[in-house]
Amino acid sequence: MEIILHTGAHRTGTTSFQYWLRMNMDTLADHGTAIWDPVITRREPFMLFNVPLDDATDTPRMRQTTAKRLRTEFARLEARGIKRLLISEENILGGLHPCFGRNALYPEAHDRLTRLRRLFGDRISRFAFTIRDYRPFWGSAVGLMVARKNALPTGTDFRKIAANPRGWRDLSEDFAAQFPEVPQIIAPFERFLDDPFGQLTALIGAPPVPAGVRLTKPVQRNASPSPEQLRAALGAETLLTPAGKVALFFPEEIAAMEARYTDDQAWFVAQTGPVTYLAR
């Protein structure tokens, strides 16, 4: 059985994609694809991707217990005729709170992937995540924190966020350090935003159901707050962009972030071997 790891990222349409997967879970399973989404991964007996994932939840005994449960579940799926398991969980790389607390893109990713390697060993068949231009990514992340009534951590500094060189290619390299032979599939945010069927097909490398089998249509979930909601939460004087997003960065910072994102895309396009970039 193939095990495909989809790590989001946050604010790249991941929740909508997971909602669509859940609405079609039974049909997909009938045709060989099982889905583990956050409803499964964040509850017992797994709790695979707690945020934060710290040493208290990564003791040898806990790891051994979880690994045993995983083997049991994998065997159960294979006995049902499941050919592939898609694990879609954006907290694999860490939550947004640490990103803001350390002014960096998924600063916990290396440690969390190290823990993941201890659990899964060589069972991962494919790794996938979606990238997005940095300014709208961070702006949408702030919107999510507002929507959930979460205060930004003390120490959040948008000047430091804009200047931090850590980016999407670093996440790719973090994964490659732990799973060097595992193929990676990287897609830009805009590519599959309204096409979950196409996204799933790209992730598993084949159409998930035969032609003629109908799946539930996509529904947008977890959308960013409206300008009115943002101002109500952050104050009437909060500066917003023409698109209604929080104005977090200065024009020169935005230009530098856009250039870095363009460089990232060029870097992914130029990769050979296990990295595949699904350009528009």
Protein backbone atom coordinates (compact mmCIF):
# COMPACT_ATOMS: atom_id res chain seq x y z
CA MET A 1 0.00 0.00 0.00
CA GLU A 2 1.26 3.44 -0.95
CA ILE A 3 1.32 6.13 1.74
CA ILE A 4 1.09 9.68 0.40
CA LEU A 5 1.80 12.55 2.76
CA HIS A 6 0.06 15.86 1.99
CA THR A 7 1.16 18.66 4.31
CA GLY A 8 -0.93 21.58 3.16
CA ALA A 9 0.44 24.16 3.72
CA HIS A 10 -1.92 26.32 5.78
CA ARG A 11 -3.82 28.97 3.84
CA THR A 12 -3.42 27.22 0.50
CA GLY A 13 -6.92 25.76 0.22
CA THR A 14 -6.05 22.76 2.38
CA THR A 15 -9.18 22.79 4.55
CA SER A 16 -11.44 23.00 1.50
CA PHE A 17 -9.55 20.10 -0.09
CA GLN A 18 -9.86 18.03 3.09
CA TYR A 19 -13.58 18.81 3.35
CA TRP A 20 -14.07 17.58 -0.23
CA LEU A 21 -12.06 14.43 0.54
CA ARG A 22 -14.21 13.73 3.59
CA MET A 23 -17.44 14.21 1.62
CA ASN A 24 -16.18 11.60 -0.87
CA MET A 25 -14.35 9.33 1.54
CA ASP A 26 -16.54 6.25 1.10
CA THR A 27 -16.56 6.44 -2.71
CA LEU A 28 -12.80 6.91 -2.83
CA ALA A 29 -12.27 3.95 -0.50
CA ASP A 30 -14.46 1.79 -2.74
CA HIS A 31 -11.94 2.47 -5.50
CA GLY A 32 -8.77 1.90 -3.47
CA THR A 33 -7.94 5.24 -1.87
CA ALA A 34 -8.26 5.70 1.90
CA ILE A 35 -8.16 9.17 3.45
CA TRP A 36 -6.78 10.25 6.81
CA ASP A 37 -7.62 13.89 7.41
CA PRO A 38 -7.34 15.95 10.64
CA VAL A 39 -10.55 14.40 11.97
CA ILE A 40 -8.56 11.14 12.15
CA THR A 41 -4.97 12.26 12.68
CA ARG A 42 -5.74 14.51 15.67
CA ARG A 43 -7.63 11.98 17.76
CA GLU A 44 -6.85 8.73 19.53
CA PRO A 45 -5.37 6.30 18.84
CA PHE A 46 -3.08 8.34 16.60
CA MET A 47 -2.63 11.98 17.67
CA LEU A 48 0.15 12.01 15.11
CA PHE A 49 0.50 15.71 14.62
CA ASN A 50 -0.15 17.46 17.90
CA VAL A 51 0.66 21.13 18.03
CA PRO A 52 3.02 21.56 19.73
CA LEU A 53 4.69 18.19 19.25
CA ASP A 54 7.25 18.12 22.03
CA ASP A 55 9.49 15.65 23.81
CA ALA A 56 6.69 14.73 26.20
CA THR A 57 4.75 13.19 23.30
CA ASP A 58 7.79 11.71 21.57
CA THR A 59 9.16 9.39 24.21
CA PRO A 60 10.42 5.99 23.04
CA ARG A 61 7.44 4.30 24.69
CA MET A 62 4.90 6.64 23.06
CA ARG A 63 6.65 6.23 19.72
CA GLN A 64 6.62 2.45 20.02
CA THR A 65 2.93 2.44 20.92
CA THR A 66 1.99 4.74 18.03
CA ALA A 67 4.12 2.80 15.55
CA LYS A 68 2.39 -0.43 16.61
CA ARG A 69 -1.02 1.18 16.14
CA LEU A 70 0.00 2.42 12.72
CA ARG A 71 1.13 -1.04 11.61
CA THR A 72 -2.20 -2.45 12.77
CA GLU A 73 -4.14 0.19 10.84
CA PHE A 74 -2.05 -0.28 7.71
CA ALA A 75 -2.69 -4.02 7.81
CA ARG A 76 -6.41 -3.43 8.29
CA LEU A 77 -6.54 -1.11 5.26
CA GLU A 78 -4.59 -3.53 3.10
CA ALA A 79 -6.94 -6.35 4.10
CA ARG A 80 -9.84 -4.19 2.80
CA GLY A 81 -8.13 -3.91 -0.57
CA ILE A 82 -6.91 -0.33 -0.12
CA LYS A 83 -4.12 0.43 -2.58
CA ARG A 84 -3.10 3.85 -1.27
CA LEU A 85 -3.50 5.93 1.87
CA LEU A 86 -3.53 9.72 1.58
CA ILE A 87 -2.68 11.49 4.85
CA SER A 88 -3.66 15.15 4.53
CA GLU A 89 -2.63 17.16 7.60
CA GLU A 90 -1.24 20.70 7.54
CA ASN A 91 0.17 20.43 11.05
CA ILE A 92 2.72 17.86 9.92
CA LEU A 93 5.11 20.79 9.43
CA GLY A 94 3.93 22.64 12.54
CA GLY A 95 1.24 25.16 13.39
CA LEU A 96 0.95 28.84 12.56
CA HIS A 97 1.57 29.97 16.13
CA PRO A 98 5.26 28.93 16.04
CA CYS A 99 5.60 30.62 12.65
CA PHE A 100 4.55 33.95 14.13
CA GLY A 101 6.36 33.34 17.41
CA ARG A 102 9.68 32.80 15.64
CA ASN A 103 9.01 35.03 12.62
CA ALA A 104 9.81 32.21 10.23
CA LEU A 105 8.09 29.81 7.85
CA TYR A 106 7.50 26.51 9.69
CA PRO A 107 10.56 26.67 11.94
CA GLU A 108 9.66 23.30 13.51
CA ALA A 109 9.56 21.38 10.23
CA HIS A 110 12.97 19.71 10.54
CA ASP A 111 12.30 18.37 14.04
CA ARG A 112 8.77 17.26 13.20
CA LEU A 113 9.88 15.42 10.08
CA THR A 114 12.61 13.74 12.12
CA ARG A 115 9.92 12.46 14.48
CA LEU A 116 7.82 11.40 11.52
CA ARG A 117 10.72 9.35 10.15
CA ARG A 118 10.94 7.55 13.48
CA LEU A 119 7.28 6.58 13.20
CA PHE A 120 6.96 5.75 9.51
CA GLY A 121 10.44 4.60 8.58
CA ASP A 122 10.49 3.87 4.84
CA ARG A 123 6.70 3.59 4.46
CA ILE A 124 6.19 7.06 2.91
CA SER A 125 5.72 6.72 -0.87
CA ARG A 126 5.18 10.36 -1.86
CA PHE A 127 5.27 13.82 -0.28
CA ALA A 128 3.25 16.83 -1.44
CA PHE A 129 2.66 20.42 -0.44
CA THR A 130 1.32 23.63 -1.93
CA ILE A 131 3.22 26.91 -2.04
CA ARG A 132 1.89 30.46 -2.11
CA ASP A 133 3.33 33.95 -2.54
CA TYR A 134 4.64 35.04 0.85
CA ARG A 135 2.68 38.26 1.31
CA PRO A 136 -0.79 36.72 0.81
CA PHE A 137 0.29 33.63 2.75
CA TRP A 138 1.19 35.65 5.85
CA GLY A 139 -1.79 37.97 5.40
CA SER A 140 -4.19 35.04 5.19
CA ALA A 141 -2.51 33.45 8.21
CA VAL A 142 -3.15 36.58 10.24
CA GLY A 143 -6.76 36.48 9.06
CA LEU A 144 -7.10 32.91 10.30
CA MET A 145 -5.70 33.84 13.70
CA VAL A 146 -8.23 36.67 13.88
CA ALA A 147 -11.08 34.39 12.83
CA ARG A 148 -10.16 31.93 15.57
CA LYS A 149 -9.70 34.72 18.11
CA ASN A 150 -6.07 33.75 18.65
CA ALA A 151 -3.73 36.56 19.66
CA LEU A 152 -0.46 36.74 17.76
CA PRO A 153 2.43 35.53 19.93
CA THR A 154 4.55 38.03 21.81
CA GLY A 155 7.55 38.78 19.66
CA THR A 156 5.75 38.67 16.31
CA ASP A 157 7.60 41.17 14.10
CA PHE A 158 6.51 41.58 10.48
CA ARG A 159 9.78 43.32 9.61
CA LYS A 160 11.63 40.16 10.68
CA ILE A 161 9.14 37.95 8.84
CA ALA A 162 9.68 39.91 5.62
CA ALA A 163 13.47 39.72 5.98
CA ASN A 164 13.65 36.05 6.97
CA PRO A 165 15.15 34.07 4.07
CA ARG A 166 13.55 30.78 5.10
CA GLY A 167 11.07 29.74 2.44
CA TRP A 168 9.37 26.95 0.55
CA ARG A 169 12.55 25.46 -0.84
CA ASP A 170 13.78 25.03 2.73
CA LEU A 171 10.73 22.88 3.48
CA SER A 172 11.52 20.76 0.45
CA GLU A 173 15.09 20.35 1.67
CA ASP A 174 13.93 19.58 5.22
CA PHE A 175 11.86 16.71 3.85
CA ALA A 176 14.64 15.50 1.57
CA ALA A 177 17.01 15.36 4.54
CA GLN A 178 14.79 12.75 6.20
CA PHE A 179 13.32 11.03 3.13
CA PRO A 180 15.96 11.54 0.39
CA GLU A 181 14.55 9.00 -2.06
CA VAL A 182 10.87 9.87 -1.69
CA PRO A 183 9.31 11.78 -4.63
CA GLN A 184 8.04 15.28 -3.88
CA ILE A 185 5.09 16.96 -5.59
CA ILE A 186 4.97 20.76 -5.27
CA ALA A 187 2.10 22.89 -6.62
CA PRO A 188 1.40 26.63 -6.67
CA PHE A 189 -1.65 27.75 -4.68
CA GLU A 190 -3.60 28.91 -7.73
CA ARG A 191 -3.21 25.63 -9.61
CA PHE A 192 -5.76 23.47 -7.77
CA LEU A 193 -7.73 25.95 -5.64
CA ASP A 194 -11.02 25.09 -7.37
CA ASP A 195 -10.05 21.65 -8.64
CA PRO A 196 -9.79 19.12 -5.79
CA PHE A 197 -10.27 16.23 -8.20
CA GLY A 198 -7.27 17.40 -10.23
CA GLN A 199 -5.26 17.87 -7.05
CA LEU A 200 -6.05 14.36 -5.82
CA THR A 201 -5.23 12.91 -9.25
CA ALA A 202 -1.84 14.67 -9.15
CA LEU A 203 -1.13 13.47 -5.61
CA ILE A 204 -1.86 9.80 -6.24
CA GLY A 205 -0.56 9.75 -9.81
CA ALA A 206 -3.81 8.46 -11.35
CA PRO A 207 -7.53 9.28 -11.47
CA PRO A 208 -8.98 8.31 -8.07
CA VAL A 209 -12.19 6.84 -9.53
CA PRO A 210 -13.16 5.43 -12.93
CA ALA A 211 -14.72 7.67 -15.54
CA GLY A 212 -18.42 8.14 -14.88
CA VAL A 213 -18.22 7.90 -11.08
CA ARG A 214 -19.61 11.14 -9.67
CA LEU A 215 -18.06 12.87 -6.69
CA THR A 216 -19.44 15.67 -4.51
CA LYS A 217 -18.64 19.15 -5.78
CA PRO A 218 -16.09 21.28 -3.89
CA VAL A 219 -17.19 23.76 -1.22
CA GLN A 220 -14.90 26.50 0.07
CA ARG A 221 -14.13 26.17 3.77
CA ASN A 222 -12.16 28.19 6.31
CA ALA A 223 -12.09 31.31 4.14
CA SER A 224 -10.31 34.45 5.29
CA PRO A 225 -12.34 36.99 7.32
CA SER A 226 -14.04 39.89 5.57
CA PRO A 227 -12.61 43.43 5.86
CA GLU A 228 -15.37 44.22 8.35
CA GLN A 229 -14.43 41.25 10.52
CA LEU A 230 -10.77 42.21 10.41
CA ARG A 231 -11.44 45.79 11.45
CA ALA A 232 -13.78 44.64 14.21
CA ALA A 233 -11.04 42.41 15.60
CA LEU A 234 -7.99 44.61 15.00
CA GLY A 235 -9.44 48.11 15.26
CA ALA A 236 -11.14 50.56 12.94
CA GLU A 237 -7.83 52.22 12.07
CA THR A 238 -6.28 49.01 10.76
CA LEU A 239 -4.82 49.52 7.29
CA LEU A 240 -6.14 47.15 4.66
CA THR A 241 -5.01 46.50 1.11
CA PRO A 242 -7.36 47.17 -1.84
CA ALA A 243 -8.16 43.44 -1.73
CA GLY A 244 -9.36 43.76 1.87
CA LYS A 245 -6.36 42.06 3.51
CA VAL A 246 -4.39 43.38 6.46
CA ALA A 247 -1.56 45.63 5.26
CA LEU A 248 1.33 43.96 7.09
CA PHE A 249 4.30 44.86 4.92
CA PHE A 250 5.86 47.93 3.35
CA PRO A 251 5.96 48.16 -0.48
CA GLU A 252 9.68 47.40 -0.63
CA GLU A 253 9.18 44.35 1.57
CA ILE A 254 6.36 43.12 -0.65
CA ALA A 255 8.54 43.53 -3.73
CA ALA A 256 11.36 41.56 -2.09
CA MET A 257 8.98 38.79 -1.00
CA GLU A 258 7.46 38.54 -4.47
CA ALA A 259 10.94 38.29 -5.98
CA ARG A 260 11.84 35.55 -3.50
CA TYR A 261 8.69 33.63 -4.39
CA THR A 262 9.54 33.94 -8.10
CA ASP A 263 13.01 32.61 -7.32
CA ASP A 264 11.46 29.72 -5.40
CA GLN A 265 9.30 28.77 -8.36
CA ALA A 266 12.29 28.88 -10.71
CA TRP A 267 14.24 26.72 -8.27
CA PHE A 268 11.47 24.10 -8.17
CA VAL A 269 11.13 24.10 -11.95
CA ALA A 270 14.87 23.49 -12.28
CA GLN A 271 14.88 20.52 -9.90
CA THR A 272 15.38 17.02 -11.23
CA GLY A 273 15.13 13.64 -9.61
CA PRO A 274 12.49 13.27 -6.91
CA VAL A 275 11.08 16.84 -7.03
CA THR A 276 8.21 17.57 -9.43
CA TYR A 277 6.78 21.09 -9.66
CA LEU A 278 3.27 21.25 -11.07
CA ALA A 279 3.56 24.63 -12.78
CA ARG A 280 0.44 26.32 -14.07
